[in-house]
Protein backbone atom coordinates (compact mmCIF):
# COMPACT_ATOMS: atom_id res chain seq x y z
CA MET A 1 0.00 0.00 0.00
CA SER A 2 1.38 3.43 -0.90
CA VAL A 3 2.02 6.22 1.55
CA MET A 4 -0.98 8.08 0.20
CA SER A 5 -3.32 5.24 1.12
CA LYS A 6 -2.01 4.57 4.62
CA PRO A 7 -4.59 5.04 7.37
CA LYS A 8 -4.36 8.42 9.07
CA ILE A 9 -2.86 8.40 12.56
CA MET A 10 -3.56 11.05 15.18
CA ALA A 11 -0.07 11.04 16.67
CA MET A 12 0.40 11.75 20.36
CA ASN A 13 3.47 13.43 21.79
CA VAL A 14 2.34 14.21 25.33
CA CYS A 15 2.65 12.64 28.76
CA VAL A 16 -0.72 12.67 30.55
CA ALA A 17 -2.29 10.93 33.53
CA PRO A 18 -4.54 7.98 32.55
CA LYS A 19 -8.28 8.66 32.28
CA SER A 20 -7.71 12.30 33.22
CA ALA A 21 -9.39 15.22 31.45
CA ALA A 22 -6.17 15.83 29.53
CA ASP A 23 -6.05 12.16 28.51
CA LYS A 24 -9.62 12.27 27.18
CA SER A 25 -9.13 15.54 25.38
CA ILE A 26 -5.86 14.67 23.71
CA ARG A 27 -6.63 11.01 23.03
CA ALA A 28 -10.51 11.43 21.78
CA ARG A 29 11.80 -1.97 42.66
CA THR A 30 13.35 -4.56 40.07
CA MET A 31 11.91 -6.58 37.27
CA MET A 32 12.92 -9.87 35.75
CA PRO A 33 14.47 -9.52 32.28
CA SER A 34 12.03 -9.31 29.36
CA ASP A 35 8.91 -9.26 31.55
CA ILE A 36 5.94 -7.01 31.04
CA ALA A 37 5.28 -4.75 34.04
CA PRO A 38 3.37 -6.79 36.67
CA GLY A 39 -0.31 -5.92 36.76
CA ILE A 40 -0.58 -5.04 33.06
CA GLN A 41 -1.78 -7.48 30.42
CA PRO A 42 -0.01 -7.81 27.05
CA SER A 43 -1.75 -5.90 24.26
CA PRO A 44 -0.30 -6.73 20.82
CA ASP A 45 -2.88 -4.44 19.20
CA HIS A 46 -0.88 -1.53 20.63
CA ASP A 47 2.49 -2.67 19.26
CA LEU A 48 4.51 0.16 17.76
CA ILE A 49 4.88 0.19 13.97
CA PHE A 50 7.60 1.97 12.02
CA ASN A 51 6.33 4.50 9.48
CA GLY A 52 9.67 5.60 8.02
CA GLY A 53 10.12 8.85 9.95
CA ARG A 54 13.29 10.14 11.55
CA THR A 55 14.75 8.54 14.68
CA LEU A 56 17.72 9.63 16.82
CA ALA A 57 19.99 6.69 17.54
CA ASN A 58 22.72 8.98 18.90
CA LEU A 59 20.81 11.39 21.10
CA ASN A 60 22.14 14.56 22.74
CA PHE A 61 20.16 16.62 25.23
CA PHE A 62 20.56 19.87 27.15
CA ASN A 63 18.47 21.02 30.13
CA PHE A 64 17.17 24.58 30.49
CA TYR A 65 15.68 25.51 33.87
CA VAL A 66 12.98 28.18 33.43
CA GLY A 67 12.26 30.83 36.04
CA GLY A 68 15.65 32.00 37.30
CA THR A 69 17.78 30.77 40.16
CA GLU A 70 15.20 31.88 42.74
CA SER A 71 12.75 29.30 41.36
CA TRP A 72 14.98 26.25 41.73
CA ARG A 73 16.82 24.47 44.50
CA VAL A 74 20.38 23.74 43.47
CA SER A 75 19.98 20.24 44.89
CA ASP A 76 16.92 19.59 42.69
CA MET A 77 18.72 20.68 39.54
CA GLN A 78 21.75 18.56 40.39
CA SER A 79 19.54 15.55 41.13
CA ILE A 80 17.59 15.97 37.87
CA ASP A 81 20.72 16.38 35.75
CA THR A 82 22.46 13.40 37.34
CA ALA A 83 19.50 11.01 37.33
CA LEU A 84 18.24 11.86 33.84
CA SER A 85 21.71 11.48 32.37
CA ALA A 86 22.14 8.14 34.15
CA ALA A 87 18.72 6.85 33.08
CA MET A 88 19.15 7.80 29.43
CA SER A 89 22.55 6.09 29.23
CA ASP A 90 21.75 3.05 31.39
CA ARG A 91 22.51 -0.21 29.61
CA ASN A 92 19.61 -2.25 30.98
CA LEU A 93 17.05 0.47 30.32
CA ASN A 94 18.41 1.00 26.81
CA ASN A 95 18.16 -2.74 26.19
CA VAL A 96 14.42 -2.08 25.80
CA ILE A 97 14.75 0.92 23.49
CA VAL A 98 17.33 -0.60 21.12
CA GLN A 99 14.62 -2.78 19.56
CA TYR A 100 13.51 0.30 17.59
CA PHE A 101 16.89 0.82 15.89
CA PRO A 102 18.27 -1.40 13.08
CA SER A 103 21.80 -1.19 14.48
CA ASN A 104 20.47 -2.47 17.84
CA GLN A 105 22.69 0.22 19.38
CA ILE A 106 21.92 3.66 20.78
CA THR A 107 23.88 6.32 22.66
CA SER A 108 22.82 9.20 24.87
CA ASN A 109 24.93 12.24 25.71
CA PHE A 110 24.00 14.82 28.35
CA LEU A 111 25.45 18.16 27.24
CA GLY A 112 24.87 20.12 30.43
CA SER A 113 22.31 22.53 31.87
CA ARG A 114 21.64 26.20 32.42
CA VAL A 115 19.17 28.36 34.34
CA LEU A 116 17.24 30.81 32.16
CA PRO A 117 16.91 34.27 33.75
CA GLY A 118 13.63 35.92 34.62
CA PRO A 119 10.69 35.30 36.97
CA ALA A 120 8.77 32.06 36.93
CA PRO A 121 5.87 32.23 34.46
CA THR A 122 2.38 31.46 35.73
CA VAL A 123 1.32 29.74 32.52
CA VAL A 124 3.32 28.35 29.60
CA SER A 125 1.71 27.33 26.31
CA GLN A 126 3.15 25.38 23.41
CA GLY A 127 3.14 28.67 21.52
CA ASP A 128 5.31 30.22 24.24
CA VAL A 129 7.83 27.37 24.16
CA GLU A 130 8.12 27.35 20.40
CA ALA A 131 8.46 31.13 20.23
CA MET A 132 11.28 31.00 22.79
CA VAL A 133 13.06 28.18 20.95
CA GLY A 134 12.77 30.24 17.77
CA ARG A 135 14.23 33.33 19.44
CA MET A 136 17.10 31.30 20.89
CA SER A 137 17.87 29.86 17.47
CA ASP A 138 17.63 33.22 15.72
CA SER A 139 19.88 34.90 18.29
CA GLY A 140 22.60 32.27 17.99
CA ALA A 141 22.08 30.92 21.50
CA LEU A 142 21.88 27.38 20.11
CA ASP A 143 24.87 27.71 17.80
CA GLY A 144 27.50 25.09 18.50
CA PHE A 145 24.98 22.33 19.17
CA ASP A 146 24.39 19.55 16.67
CA LEU A 147 20.74 20.43 16.09
CA SER A 148 20.15 17.30 14.04
CA SER A 149 20.48 15.11 17.13
CA THR A 150 19.93 17.40 20.14
CA VAL A 151 16.76 17.80 22.17
CA PHE A 152 16.50 20.92 24.34
CA ASN A 153 14.60 20.23 27.57
CA PHE A 154 12.70 23.10 29.21
CA MET A 155 12.08 22.35 32.89
CA LEU A 156 9.26 24.45 34.32
CA PRO A 157 9.48 25.45 38.01
CA SER A 158 7.12 24.71 40.86
CA GLY A 159 3.73 26.36 40.35
CA THR A 160 3.96 26.94 36.60
CA ILE A 161 1.05 25.50 34.60
CA LEU A 162 1.69 24.00 31.16
CA ASN A 163 -0.88 23.74 28.38
CA THR A 164 -0.97 22.70 24.73
CA ASP A 165 -2.33 25.95 23.30
CA LEU A 166 -0.50 26.93 20.12
CA ASN A 167 -1.17 30.60 20.84
CA LEU A 168 1.06 32.78 22.98
CA SER A 169 -0.06 33.16 26.57
CA THR A 170 2.45 35.94 27.17
CA ARG A 171 4.98 37.96 25.20
CA SER A 172 7.91 36.11 26.69
CA LEU A 173 8.69 33.32 29.12
CA HIS A 174 10.65 36.00 30.97
CA VAL A 175 7.38 37.76 31.88
CA ALA A 176 4.80 36.24 34.22
CA ALA A 177 1.83 34.99 32.20
CA ILE A 178 -1.74 35.99 33.01
CA ALA A 179 -3.60 33.82 30.51
CA ILE A 180 -6.13 31.21 31.64
CA PRO A 181 -4.91 27.67 30.92
CA LYS A 182 -6.65 25.82 28.11
CA ASP A 183 -9.37 23.55 29.49
CA ASP A 184 -8.68 19.79 29.61
CA GLU A 185 -5.20 20.08 28.11
CA ASP A 186 -3.18 21.63 30.91
CA SER A 187 -1.07 20.35 33.74
CA THR A 188 -3.79 20.82 36.36
CA SER A 189 -5.78 18.12 34.56
CA GLY A 190 -3.05 15.53 34.05
CA LEU A 191 -0.66 16.93 31.43
CA GLY A 192 2.95 16.21 32.38
CA GLY A 193 4.82 17.39 29.30
CA TYR A 194 5.33 16.95 25.57
CA HIS A 195 7.99 17.07 22.89
CA GLY A 196 8.01 18.72 19.50
CA SER A 197 10.05 20.70 17.00
CA ILE A 198 10.20 24.01 15.18
CA HIS A 199 11.64 25.15 11.85
CA PRO A 200 13.80 28.25 12.49
CA THR A 201 13.63 31.25 10.22
CA ARG A 202 17.43 31.37 9.93
CA GLN A 203 18.60 29.82 6.68
CA ASP A 204 22.14 29.03 7.89
CA VAL A 205 21.18 26.51 10.58
CA GLN A 206 19.72 23.02 10.73
CA PRO A 207 16.12 23.25 9.46
CA THR A 208 14.66 21.57 12.57
CA VAL A 209 15.18 22.22 16.28
CA TYR A 210 13.86 19.63 18.74
CA TYR A 211 12.53 20.44 22.19
CA ALA A 212 10.73 18.90 25.16
CA VAL A 213 8.92 20.69 27.96
CA GLY A 214 7.61 19.42 31.29
CA VAL A 215 6.19 20.63 34.58
CA TYR A 216 7.43 20.28 38.13
CA SER A 217 4.87 17.59 38.98
CA GLU A 218 3.75 17.91 42.58
CA LYS A 219 0.83 17.94 44.98
CA ARG A 220 -0.10 21.56 45.63
CA PRO A 221 -0.86 23.06 49.06
CA ASP A 222 -4.61 23.01 48.32
CA GLY A 223 -4.50 19.26 47.72
CA THR A 224 -4.73 19.45 43.92
CA ALA A 225 -2.05 18.21 41.56
CA ASN A 226 0.03 19.86 38.89
CA GLY A 227 1.39 17.41 36.34
CA ILE A 228 1.74 13.72 37.24
CA PRO A 229 3.00 13.46 40.83
CA VAL A 230 3.85 9.82 41.56
CA PHE A 231 7.16 9.74 43.41
CA ASP A 232 7.86 10.97 46.93
CA GLU A 233 9.96 13.91 45.72
CA PRO A 234 8.95 16.21 42.83
CA TRP A 235 12.38 16.17 41.18
CA LYS A 236 11.93 12.44 40.60
CA ASN A 237 8.69 13.16 38.74
CA VAL A 238 10.59 15.60 36.54
CA VAL A 239 13.15 12.92 35.67
CA ALA A 240 10.45 10.37 34.84
CA THR A 241 8.58 12.86 32.63
CA PHE A 242 11.66 13.77 30.63
CA TYR A 243 12.74 10.13 30.41
CA HIS A 244 9.36 9.58 28.74
CA GLU A 245 9.74 12.58 26.42
CA LEU A 246 13.34 11.93 25.39
CA ASN A 247 12.64 8.31 24.48
CA GLU A 248 9.64 9.41 22.45
CA ALA A 249 11.71 12.12 20.75
CA ARG A 250 14.40 9.61 19.80
CA THR A 251 11.89 7.10 18.36
CA ASP A 252 9.49 9.61 16.75
CA ALA A 253 11.49 12.78 16.23
CA ASP A 254 9.31 14.60 13.69
CA VAL A 255 5.88 13.89 15.17
CA GLU A 256 5.16 17.63 15.29
CA ASP A 257 5.37 17.80 11.50
CA ALA A 258 2.88 14.93 11.29
CA ILE A 259 0.52 16.80 13.61
CA ARG A 260 0.91 20.00 11.61
CA ALA A 261 -0.02 18.07 8.46
CA GLY A 262 -3.49 17.54 9.87
CA ASN A 263 -5.63 15.35 7.62
CA ASP A 264 -3.07 15.20 4.82
CA PRO A 265 -2.26 11.47 4.41
CA ASN A 266 1.30 12.45 3.51
CA GLY A 267 1.77 13.48 7.13
CA THR A 268 2.33 9.86 8.13
CA LYS A 269 5.74 9.94 6.44
CA PHE A 270 7.04 12.06 9.33
CA LEU A 271 6.12 9.44 11.93
CA GLY A 272 8.68 7.08 13.38
CA TRP A 273 7.49 4.40 15.82
CA VAL A 274 3.82 4.75 16.81
CA SER A 275 0.96 2.36 17.41
CA ARG A 276 -2.12 2.14 15.21
CA GLN A 277 -3.82 4.20 17.89
CA GLY A 278 -1.20 6.95 17.45
CA GLU A 279 0.62 6.21 20.71
CA GLU A 280 4.35 6.72 21.07
CA CYS A 281 6.55 4.48 23.20
CA GLY A 282 5.70 6.23 26.47
CA ASP A 283 1.94 6.50 26.10
CA PHE A 284 0.33 3.07 26.47
CA PRO A 285 2.15 2.33 29.74
CA VAL A 286 0.70 5.48 31.34
CA PHE A 287 -2.80 4.96 29.96
CA GLU A 288 -3.01 1.35 31.16
CA ALA A 289 -1.26 1.51 34.54
CA ASN A 290 -3.59 1.60 37.52
CA PRO A 291 -2.01 2.60 39.82
CA LEU A 292 0.69 4.57 38.07
CA THR A 293 3.31 3.02 40.34
CA LEU A 294 3.11 -0.07 38.11
CA VAL A 295 5.16 1.81 35.51
CA PHE A 296 6.63 4.77 37.41
CA ARG A 297 9.41 3.05 39.32
CA GLU A 298 12.81 3.60 40.83
CA VAL A 299 15.03 0.97 39.26
CA PRO A 300 18.60 -0.05 40.01
CA LYS A 301 21.23 1.27 37.62
CA SER A 302 23.04 -1.39 35.64
CA ASP A 303 26.39 -0.36 37.13
CA GLY A 304 25.12 -1.05 40.66
CA THR A 305 25.65 2.50 41.93
CA GLY A 306 22.12 3.33 43.00
CA SER A 307 18.74 3.78 41.38
CA VAL A 308 16.94 6.15 39.02
CA PRO A 309 13.26 7.15 38.77
CA VAL A 310 11.82 6.35 35.34
CA GLN A 311 8.63 5.51 33.52
CA PHE A 312 8.66 2.14 31.75
CA GLN A 313 8.36 2.34 27.97
CA TYR A 314 6.38 0.21 25.54
CA SER A 315 8.16 -2.89 24.27
CA VAL A 316 6.98 -4.85 21.24
CA ALA A 317 8.97 -7.76 22.65
CA VAL A 318 6.53 -8.12 25.55
CA HIS A 319 3.56 -6.24 24.02
CA GLY A 320 3.47 -3.74 26.83
CA PRO A 321 5.56 -1.70 29.29
CA GLU A 322 8.91 -3.25 30.13
CA GLY A 323 11.43 -2.40 32.82
CA PRO A 324 15.21 -2.77 32.59
CA THR A 325 16.37 -6.01 31.03
CA LEU A 326 19.76 -7.72 31.07
CA ASN A 327 19.87 -8.46 27.33
CA PRO A 328 18.88 -6.34 24.34
CA ASP A 329 15.36 -6.99 23.12
CA PRO A 330 15.10 -8.35 19.57
CA LEU A 331 14.52 -5.83 16.83
CA ALA A 332 10.89 -4.86 16.43
CA PRO A 333 9.44 -5.47 12.96
CA MET A 334 10.38 -2.59 10.69
CA ALA A 335 7.45 -2.94 8.29
CA ALA A 336 5.21 0.11 7.96
CA PHE A 337 1.44 -0.09 7.68
CA THR A 338 0.39 -2.47 4.90
């Protein structure tokens, strides 16, 4: 079947709590090797299928902390940087993800972090994030990075609400926002984060810049939640969210172009690994886990030096979410929709 006649997929590039308002709106300690997460049944109908889009076998990432130094504890930033770097490069965790790469090998390189100046914004929209990434690219702030393989992570501070609105909620992330979050698709209703890309206006740089954004998931003083608070410390939730987003970015890098294509059947050519339901590798595990602690776990690092908080990713090998495994999973079938 040609690309033109492939069934249309509504691709998903967000991390949301299962059965939450955001889920409905957007959707319409150790494990044995190669086991599906206990408590979740295999679901081959949700196996990921390769559509020919770009993947990032050799991934780089850089962390930007939004809201100035007054919005972040130094210890939190250090913990996030250390744990996320360790999780993304952990052998046993990567033994699950390698099944989506023909070489059966992947690398991950943490390039460092930086605090962005300015007060913490009240609300951040997708339009805000993409406008800021565009300004950074245009100003040369991203020069020197290999944009073809780097994802820029934007960590939002405690109290900031994230939504998926493509419009600007404020003139700049350096100015406190006053907009009302978009109903059903914001972090007060289960949205944890998402990844995407922009095409800079500069002609002398890589045509695509990749980003991910996520909230500081926590229980708020009034008893409500922002994001997806699962772990006992919010910084661990941040690590798990960005572990989700980075693995989705590496297996489905150009999903934003597929979303922008709308109903154009040609849009499927941008998709990497997604299910027939449009789910990326991090989605099904979150939607199916009840409670979320079935897939949000602290797991031992393969080098035996401690543990890292992660969210288990979908594995075709076990037809569901899989934790760290001692041996690389076999390659998932590379055939696109037929």
